[in-house]
Amino acid sequence: MSKLYLIPTPIGNLDDMTYRAVKILQEVDLILAEDTRKTGFLLKHYSITTALSSHHKFNEHKTVEYITGQIAKGKIVALVSDAGTPGISDPGFLLVRTCLENDIDVECLPGATALIPALINSGLPCDRFCFEGFLPQKKGRQKKIEAFKNEDRTIIFYESPYRVLKTLTQLAEVLGNDRKACASREISKIYEENVRGSLEELIEHFTGKEPKGEFVIVVEGKYHKPLTQSAEQK
């Protein structure tokens, strides 16, 4: 039966790959990868020899119809990103939508994504949160940050190490130096680090220590109050 699988891959530690993900990648007809070199390393680690093809943000609009057509003819295809779950700040949405529009079965496996470990590790409220992906680099960036003023949920977004200090500074200017936050980097890797404190404290930390690795920044919402439960409610 033709089908598109979305397969999460480890965000750092290769041991986080699930048994089911490995099994499916061994059985499908084709694997679509954001970066075939990175995915090739993963496949070699698990002795997966399935054919590999490139599918990334620069070519997805050109190839989506062809890929959908191949699946419609009976091919079973898996989509992976460089790390984490496809479609979460990575290519995937366009292909999924096109497949669904053509009545092609789509299944996303549960698995790795950086935002949930960062949220839990932050120590900030995680009962209600919003995920913003990457902030705009230029146009619309300040407007997006200004919108966080009235956000009462915990806010999560991804950031490049080259913009971490700039982003923390901009957040502090809009939300206040004392707003609590956590910057997580290299999640699941040997040098994983979670820096917690006020925005002012995080700025001080990364002013003295150069940010390295991919970051997830978690910021306290404006109105959120800690959950309290009585013994009877628990």
C-alpha atoms as a PDB file:
ATOM      1  CA  MET A   1       0.000   0.000   0.000  1.00  0.00           C
ATOM      2  CA  SER A   2       1.388   3.421  -0.947  1.00  0.00           C
ATOM      3  CA  LYS A   3       2.163   5.660   1.993  1.00  0.00           C
ATOM      4  CA  LEU A   4       4.244   8.553   3.292  1.00  0.00           C
ATOM      5  CA  TYR A   5       5.967   8.091   6.637  1.00  0.00           C
ATOM      6  CA  LEU A   6       7.435  10.978   8.611  1.00  0.00           C
ATOM      7  CA  ILE A   7      10.264   9.543  10.691  1.00  0.00           C
ATOM      8  CA  PRO A   8      11.804  11.494  13.591  1.00  0.00           C
ATOM      9  CA  THR A   9      15.575  11.126  13.878  1.00  0.00           C
ATOM     10  CA  PRO A  10      17.833  11.782  16.900  1.00  0.00           C
ATOM     11  CA  ILE A  11      18.596  15.418  17.727  1.00  0.00           C
ATOM     12  CA  GLY A  12      21.995  14.402  19.044  1.00  0.00           C
ATOM     13  CA  ASN A  13      22.449  11.003  20.633  1.00  0.00           C
ATOM     14  CA  LEU A  14      22.077   8.292  17.986  1.00  0.00           C
ATOM     15  CA  ASP A  15      20.745   5.873  20.610  1.00  0.00           C
ATOM     16  CA  ASP A  16      17.502   7.873  20.672  1.00  0.00           C
ATOM     17  CA  MET A  17      16.422   6.284  17.380  1.00  0.00           C
ATOM     18  CA  THR A  18      13.399   4.029  17.956  1.00  0.00           C
ATOM     19  CA  TYR A  19      13.230   0.360  16.915  1.00  0.00           C
ATOM     20  CA  ARG A  20      10.144   1.087  14.831  1.00  0.00           C
ATOM     21  CA  ALA A  21      11.820   3.964  13.006  1.00  0.00           C
ATOM     22  CA  VAL A  22      14.782   1.765  12.057  1.00  0.00           C
ATOM     23  CA  LYS A  23      12.453  -1.026  10.899  1.00  0.00           C
ATOM     24  CA  ILE A  24      10.412   1.277   8.671  1.00  0.00           C
ATOM     25  CA  LEU A  25      13.484   2.922   7.155  1.00  0.00           C
ATOM     26  CA  GLN A  26      14.762  -0.550   6.263  1.00  0.00           C
ATOM     27  CA  GLU A  27      11.489  -1.495   4.575  1.00  0.00           C
ATOM     28  CA  VAL A  28      10.418   1.600   2.591  1.00  0.00           C
ATOM     29  CA  ASP A  29      11.222   2.066  -1.100  1.00  0.00           C
ATOM     30  CA  LEU A  30      12.807   5.497  -0.714  1.00  0.00           C
ATOM     31  CA  ILE A  31      14.039   7.843   2.025  1.00  0.00           C
ATOM     32  CA  LEU A  32      13.791  11.598   1.470  1.00  0.00           C
ATOM     33  CA  ALA A  33      16.449  13.479   3.420  1.00  0.00           C
ATOM     34  CA  GLU A  34      17.099  17.143   4.152  1.00  0.00           C
ATOM     35  CA  ASP A  35      20.866  16.530   3.932  1.00  0.00           C
ATOM     36  CA  THR A  36      21.787  13.189   2.382  1.00  0.00           C
ATOM     37  CA  ARG A  37      25.273  13.287   3.910  1.00  0.00           C
ATOM     38  CA  LYS A  38      23.979  13.609   7.466  1.00  0.00           C
ATOM     39  CA  THR A  39      21.233  11.062   6.932  1.00  0.00           C
ATOM     40  CA  GLY A  40      23.710   8.762   5.231  1.00  0.00           C
ATOM     41  CA  PHE A  41      25.781   8.707   8.411  1.00  0.00           C
ATOM     42  CA  LEU A  42      22.683   7.759  10.426  1.00  0.00           C
ATOM     43  CA  LEU A  43      21.681   5.031   7.974  1.00  0.00           C
ATOM     44  CA  LYS A  44      25.188   3.578   7.986  1.00  0.00           C
ATOM     45  CA  HIS A  45      25.135   3.475  11.797  1.00  0.00           C
ATOM     46  CA  TYR A  46      21.992   1.308  11.669  1.00  0.00           C
ATOM     47  CA  SER A  47      23.016  -0.706   8.569  1.00  0.00           C
ATOM     48  CA  ILE A  48      20.133   0.709   6.519  1.00  0.00           C
ATOM     49  CA  THR A  49      20.720   0.453   2.774  1.00  0.00           C
ATOM     50  CA  THR A  50      17.473   1.961   1.459  1.00  0.00           C
ATOM     51  CA  ALA A  51      17.789   4.366  -1.503  1.00  0.00           C
ATOM     52  CA  LEU A  52      18.221   8.005  -0.474  1.00  0.00           C
ATOM     53  CA  SER A  53      17.084  11.191  -2.229  1.00  0.00           C
ATOM     54  CA  SER A  54      17.410  14.891  -1.416  1.00  0.00           C
ATOM     55  CA  HIS A  55      14.339  16.828  -0.217  1.00  0.00           C
ATOM     56  CA  HIS A  56      14.922  20.227   1.397  1.00  0.00           C
ATOM     57  CA  LYS A  57      13.494  23.743   1.524  1.00  0.00           C
ATOM     58  CA  PHE A  58      15.309  24.790  -1.651  1.00  0.00           C
ATOM     59  CA  ASN A  59      13.916  22.049  -3.897  1.00  0.00           C
ATOM     60  CA  GLU A  60      10.683  20.863  -2.244  1.00  0.00           C
ATOM     61  CA  HIS A  61       8.413  23.049  -4.405  1.00  0.00           C
ATOM     62  CA  LYS A  62       9.979  21.565  -7.542  1.00  0.00           C
ATOM     63  CA  THR A  63       9.916  17.924  -6.448  1.00  0.00           C
ATOM     64  CA  VAL A  64       6.737  17.604  -4.392  1.00  0.00           C
ATOM     65  CA  GLU A  65       4.489  16.708  -7.345  1.00  0.00           C
ATOM     66  CA  TYR A  66       6.922  14.089  -8.626  1.00  0.00           C
ATOM     67  CA  ILE A  67       7.301  12.501  -5.180  1.00  0.00           C
ATOM     68  CA  THR A  68       3.542  12.500  -4.636  1.00  0.00           C
ATOM     69  CA  GLY A  69       3.110  10.872  -8.019  1.00  0.00           C
ATOM     70  CA  GLN A  70       5.582   8.122  -7.142  1.00  0.00           C
ATOM     71  CA  ILE A  71       3.746   7.392  -3.895  1.00  0.00           C
ATOM     72  CA  ALA A  72       0.401   7.363  -5.716  1.00  0.00           C
ATOM     73  CA  LYS A  73       1.816   4.685  -8.052  1.00  0.00           C
ATOM     74  CA  GLY A  74       2.501   2.403  -5.092  1.00  0.00           C
ATOM     75  CA  LYS A  75       5.797   3.544  -3.602  1.00  0.00           C
ATOM     76  CA  ILE A  76       6.229   3.677   0.179  1.00  0.00           C
ATOM     77  CA  VAL A  77       8.338   6.716   1.078  1.00  0.00           C
ATOM     78  CA  ALA A  78       9.834   7.972   4.340  1.00  0.00           C
ATOM     79  CA  LEU A  79      10.724  11.605   5.010  1.00  0.00           C
ATOM     80  CA  VAL A  80      13.402  12.512   7.557  1.00  0.00           C
ATOM     81  CA  SER A  81      15.049  15.795   8.519  1.00  0.00           C
ATOM     82  CA  ASP A  82      18.608  16.343   9.726  1.00  0.00           C
ATOM     83  CA  ALA A  83      17.444  16.029  13.331  1.00  0.00           C
ATOM     84  CA  GLY A  84      14.090  15.764  15.083  1.00  0.00           C
ATOM     85  CA  THR A  85      10.621  15.479  13.577  1.00  0.00           C
ATOM     86  CA  PRO A  86      10.047  16.549   9.940  1.00  0.00           C
ATOM     87  CA  GLY A  87       7.754  19.546   9.609  1.00  0.00           C
ATOM     88  CA  ILE A  88       8.823  21.150  12.896  1.00  0.00           C
ATOM     89  CA  SER A  89      10.936  24.080  11.632  1.00  0.00           C
ATOM     90  CA  ASP A  90      12.034  21.718   8.849  1.00  0.00           C
ATOM     91  CA  PRO A  91      10.627  20.682   5.432  1.00  0.00           C
ATOM     92  CA  GLY A  92       7.597  18.407   5.552  1.00  0.00           C
ATOM     93  CA  PHE A  93       4.395  20.438   5.578  1.00  0.00           C
ATOM     94  CA  LEU A  94       4.193  20.950   1.817  1.00  0.00           C
ATOM     95  CA  LEU A  95       4.657  17.252   1.042  1.00  0.00           C
ATOM     96  CA  VAL A  96       2.184  16.172   3.731  1.00  0.00           C
ATOM     97  CA  ARG A  97      -0.464  18.599   2.489  1.00  0.00           C
ATOM     98  CA  THR A  98       0.002  17.520  -1.143  1.00  0.00           C
ATOM     99  CA  CYS A  99      -0.241  13.839  -0.218  1.00  0.00           C
ATOM    100  CA  LEU A 100      -3.423  14.399   1.770  1.00  0.00           C
ATOM    101  CA  GLU A 101      -4.931  16.395  -1.087  1.00  0.00           C
ATOM    102  CA  ASN A 102      -4.319  13.336  -3.279  1.00  0.00           C
ATOM    103  CA  ASP A 103      -5.830  10.895  -0.750  1.00  0.00           C
ATOM    104  CA  ILE A 104      -2.442   9.383   0.076  1.00  0.00           C
ATOM    105  CA  ASP A 105      -2.063   7.904   3.542  1.00  0.00           C
ATOM    106  CA  VAL A 106       0.346   9.820   5.805  1.00  0.00           C
ATOM    107  CA  GLU A 107       1.706   8.625   9.139  1.00  0.00           C
ATOM    108  CA  CYS A 108       4.047  10.470  11.499  1.00  0.00           C
ATOM    109  CA  LEU A 109       5.896   8.387  14.078  1.00  0.00           C
ATOM    110  CA  PRO A 110       6.337   9.780  17.588  1.00  0.00           C
ATOM    111  CA  GLY A 111       9.913  10.608  18.425  1.00  0.00           C
ATOM    112  CA  ALA A 112      12.634  13.160  18.973  1.00  0.00           C
ATOM    113  CA  THR A 113      12.076  16.901  18.945  1.00  0.00           C
ATOM    114  CA  ALA A 114      14.150  19.520  20.761  1.00  0.00           C
ATOM    115  CA  LEU A 115      11.378  21.727  22.099  1.00  0.00           C
ATOM    116  CA  ILE A 116       9.842  19.295  24.622  1.00  0.00           C
ATOM    117  CA  PRO A 117      13.057  18.354  26.492  1.00  0.00           C
ATOM    118  CA  ALA A 118      14.005  22.044  26.611  1.00  0.00           C
ATOM    119  CA  LEU A 119      10.599  22.970  28.040  1.00  0.00           C
ATOM    120  CA  ILE A 120      10.716  20.281  30.729  1.00  0.00           C
ATOM    121  CA  ASN A 121      14.345  21.046  31.618  1.00  0.00           C
ATOM    122  CA  SER A 122      13.617  24.773  31.950  1.00  0.00           C
ATOM    123  CA  GLY A 123      11.655  24.453  35.173  1.00  0.00           C
ATOM    124  CA  LEU A 124       9.108  26.904  33.763  1.00  0.00           C
ATOM    125  CA  PRO A 125       5.376  26.080  33.602  1.00  0.00           C
ATOM    126  CA  CYS A 126       4.741  23.449  30.930  1.00  0.00           C
ATOM    127  CA  ASP A 127       0.985  22.931  31.219  1.00  0.00           C
ATOM    128  CA  ARG A 128       0.400  25.653  28.593  1.00  0.00           C
ATOM    129  CA  PHE A 129       2.969  26.808  26.053  1.00  0.00           C
ATOM    130  CA  CYS A 130       3.388  28.170  22.527  1.00  0.00           C
ATOM    131  CA  PHE A 131       6.076  27.221  20.046  1.00  0.00           C
ATOM    132  CA  GLU A 132       7.301  29.943  17.685  1.00  0.00           C
ATOM    133  CA  GLY A 133       9.983  28.085  15.714  1.00  0.00           C
ATOM    134  CA  PHE A 134      12.741  30.428  14.523  1.00  0.00           C
ATOM    135  CA  LEU A 135      12.197  34.171  14.944  1.00  0.00           C
ATOM    136  CA  PRO A 136      12.381  36.221  11.735  1.00  0.00           C
ATOM    137  CA  GLN A 137      15.974  37.313  11.145  1.00  0.00           C
ATOM    138  CA  LYS A 138      15.071  40.793   9.883  1.00  0.00           C
ATOM    139  CA  LYS A 139      11.613  41.800   8.666  1.00  0.00           C
ATOM    140  CA  GLY A 140       8.949  41.269  11.334  1.00  0.00           C
ATOM    141  CA  ARG A 141      11.426  40.294  14.059  1.00  0.00           C
ATOM    142  CA  GLN A 142      10.791  43.234  16.390  1.00  0.00           C
ATOM    143  CA  LYS A 143       7.029  42.983  15.865  1.00  0.00           C
ATOM    144  CA  LYS A 144       7.122  39.300  16.819  1.00  0.00           C
ATOM    145  CA  ILE A 145       9.083  40.007  19.997  1.00  0.00           C
ATOM    146  CA  GLU A 146       6.705  42.859  20.904  1.00  0.00           C
ATOM    147  CA  ALA A 147       3.814  40.397  20.614  1.00  0.00           C
ATOM    148  CA  PHE A 148       5.325  38.351  23.447  1.00  0.00           C
ATOM    149  CA  LYS A 149       4.465  41.171  25.885  1.00  0.00           C
ATOM    150  CA  ASN A 150       0.933  39.888  26.366  1.00  0.00           C
ATOM    151  CA  GLU A 151       1.630  36.168  25.978  1.00  0.00           C
ATOM    152  CA  ASP A 152       0.706  34.401  29.224  1.00  0.00           C
ATOM    153  CA  ARG A 153       1.879  30.952  28.111  1.00  0.00           C
ATOM    154  CA  THR A 154       5.464  29.764  28.289  1.00  0.00           C
ATOM    155  CA  ILE A 155       7.163  30.702  25.003  1.00  0.00           C
ATOM    156  CA  ILE A 156       9.541  28.379  23.138  1.00  0.00           C
ATOM    157  CA  PHE A 157      11.604  29.083  20.057  1.00  0.00           C
ATOM    158  CA  TYR A 158      14.742  27.943  18.283  1.00  0.00           C
ATOM    159  CA  GLU A 159      17.803  30.106  17.750  1.00  0.00           C
ATOM    160  CA  SER A 160      21.169  30.025  16.052  1.00  0.00           C
ATOM    161  CA  PRO A 161      24.240  30.374  18.306  1.00  0.00           C
ATOM    162  CA  TYR A 162      25.174  33.470  16.294  1.00  0.00           C
ATOM    163  CA  ARG A 163      21.987  35.286  17.352  1.00  0.00           C
ATOM    164  CA  VAL A 164      21.469  34.032  20.914  1.00  0.00           C
ATOM    165  CA  LEU A 165      22.945  37.062  22.657  1.00  0.00           C
ATOM    166  CA  LYS A 166      21.148  39.482  20.331  1.00  0.00           C
ATOM    167  CA  THR A 167      17.854  37.681  20.905  1.00  0.00           C
ATOM    168  CA  LEU A 168      18.197  37.585  24.689  1.00  0.00           C
ATOM    169  CA  THR A 169      19.009  41.308  24.685  1.00  0.00           C
ATOM    170  CA  GLN A 170      15.986  42.139  22.542  1.00  0.00           C
ATOM    171  CA  LEU A 171      13.740  40.020  24.762  1.00  0.00           C
ATOM    172  CA  ALA A 172      15.033  41.773  27.875  1.00  0.00           C
ATOM    173  CA  GLU A 173      14.366  45.181  26.316  1.00  0.00           C
ATOM    174  CA  VAL A 174      10.731  44.243  25.624  1.00  0.00           C
ATOM    175  CA  LEU A 175       9.860  41.852  28.474  1.00  0.00           C
ATOM    176  CA  GLY A 176      12.137  43.169  31.213  1.00  0.00           C
ATOM    177  CA  ASN A 177      15.478  42.025  32.581  1.00  0.00           C
ATOM    178  CA  ASP A 178      13.863  39.996  35.355  1.00  0.00           C
ATOM    179  CA  ARG A 179      11.730  37.748  33.104  1.00  0.00           C
ATOM    180  CA  LYS A 180      12.717  34.127  33.767  1.00  0.00           C
ATOM    181  CA  ALA A 181      14.106  32.074  30.913  1.00  0.00           C
ATOM    182  CA  CYS A 182      16.210  29.055  30.012  1.00  0.00           C
ATOM    183  CA  ALA A 183      18.622  28.584  27.117  1.00  0.00           C
ATOM    184  CA  SER A 184      19.250  24.930  26.233  1.00  0.00           C
ATOM    185  CA  ARG A 185      21.926  23.769  23.824  1.00  0.00           C
ATOM    186  CA  GLU A 186      23.266  20.489  22.475  1.00  0.00           C
ATOM    187  CA  ILE A 187      20.280  18.567  23.889  1.00  0.00           C
ATOM    188  CA  SER A 188      21.024  14.838  24.342  1.00  0.00           C
ATOM    189  CA  LYS A 189      24.697  15.348  23.399  1.00  0.00           C
ATOM    190  CA  ILE A 190      27.729  15.041  25.664  1.00  0.00           C
ATOM    191  CA  TYR A 191      28.006  18.815  26.171  1.00  0.00           C
ATOM    192  CA  GLU A 192      24.308  19.448  26.839  1.00  0.00           C
ATOM    193  CA  GLU A 193      23.755  22.609  28.846  1.00  0.00           C
ATOM    194  CA  ASN A 194      20.671  24.287  30.296  1.00  0.00           C
ATOM    195  CA  VAL A 195      21.276  27.836  31.505  1.00  0.00           C
ATOM    196  CA  ARG A 196      18.444  29.040  33.742  1.00  0.00           C
ATOM    197  CA  GLY A 197      17.796  32.424  35.316  1.00  0.00           C
ATOM    198  CA  SER A 198      16.520  35.878  34.454  1.00  0.00           C
ATOM    199  CA  LEU A 199      17.095  37.259  30.976  1.00  0.00           C
ATOM    200  CA  GLU A 200      19.675  39.575  32.510  1.00  0.00           C
ATOM    201  CA  GLU A 201      21.526  36.603  34.007  1.00  0.00           C
ATOM    202  CA  LEU A 202      21.457  34.705  30.715  1.00  0.00           C
ATOM    203  CA  ILE A 203      22.819  37.753  28.881  1.00  0.00           C
ATOM    204  CA  GLU A 204      25.642  37.989  31.407  1.00  0.00           C
ATOM    205  CA  HIS A 205      26.393  34.278  31.028  1.00  0.00           C
ATOM    206  CA  PHE A 206      26.622  34.307  27.234  1.00  0.00           C
ATOM    207  CA  THR A 207      28.499  37.606  27.187  1.00  0.00           C
ATOM    208  CA  GLY A 208      31.276  35.837  29.061  1.00  0.00           C
ATOM    209  CA  LYS A 209      30.885  32.471  27.313  1.00  0.00           C
ATOM    210  CA  GLU A 210      30.505  32.240  23.544  1.00  0.00           C
ATOM    211  CA  PRO A 211      27.290  30.429  22.559  1.00  0.00           C
ATOM    212  CA  LYS A 212      27.949  27.185  20.694  1.00  0.00           C
ATOM    213  CA  GLY A 213      25.560  24.614  19.240  1.00  0.00           C
ATOM    214  CA  GLU A 214      21.903  24.870  18.315  1.00  0.00           C
ATOM    215  CA  PHE A 215      19.718  26.544  20.958  1.00  0.00           C
ATOM    216  CA  VAL A 216      16.189  26.282  22.293  1.00  0.00           C
ATOM    217  CA  ILE A 217      15.130  29.336  24.303  1.00  0.00           C
ATOM    218  CA  VAL A 218      12.246  29.029  26.752  1.00  0.00           C
ATOM    219  CA  VAL A 219      10.748  32.194  28.248  1.00  0.00           C
ATOM    220  CA  GLU A 220       8.273  32.620  31.081  1.00  0.00           C
ATOM    221  CA  GLY A 221       4.823  33.905  30.145  1.00  0.00           C
ATOM    222  CA  LYS A 222       3.592  37.222  31.535  1.00  0.00           C
ATOM    223  CA  TYR A 223       0.594  36.215  33.633  1.00  0.00           C
ATOM    224  CA  HIS A 224       1.258  32.580  34.385  1.00  0.00           C
ATOM    225  CA  LYS A 225       0.989  31.603  38.032  1.00  0.00           C
ATOM    226  CA  PRO A 226       2.415  28.351  39.445  1.00  0.00           C
ATOM    227  CA  LEU A 227      -0.081  25.523  39.598  1.00  0.00           C
ATOM    228  CA  THR A 228      -1.202  24.595  43.103  1.00  0.00           C
ATOM    229  CA  GLN A 229      -3.170  21.479  43.966  1.00  0.00           C
ATOM    230  CA  SER A 230      -4.536  20.248  47.201  1.00  0.00           C
ATOM    231  CA  ALA A 231      -3.809  16.734  48.380  1.00  0.00           C
ATOM    232  CA  GLU A 232      -7.383  15.773  47.446  1.00  0.00           C
ATOM    233  CA  GLN A 233      -6.928  17.084  43.886  1.00  0.00           C
ATOM    234  CA  LYS A 234      -3.680  15.128  43.408  1.00  0.00           C
END
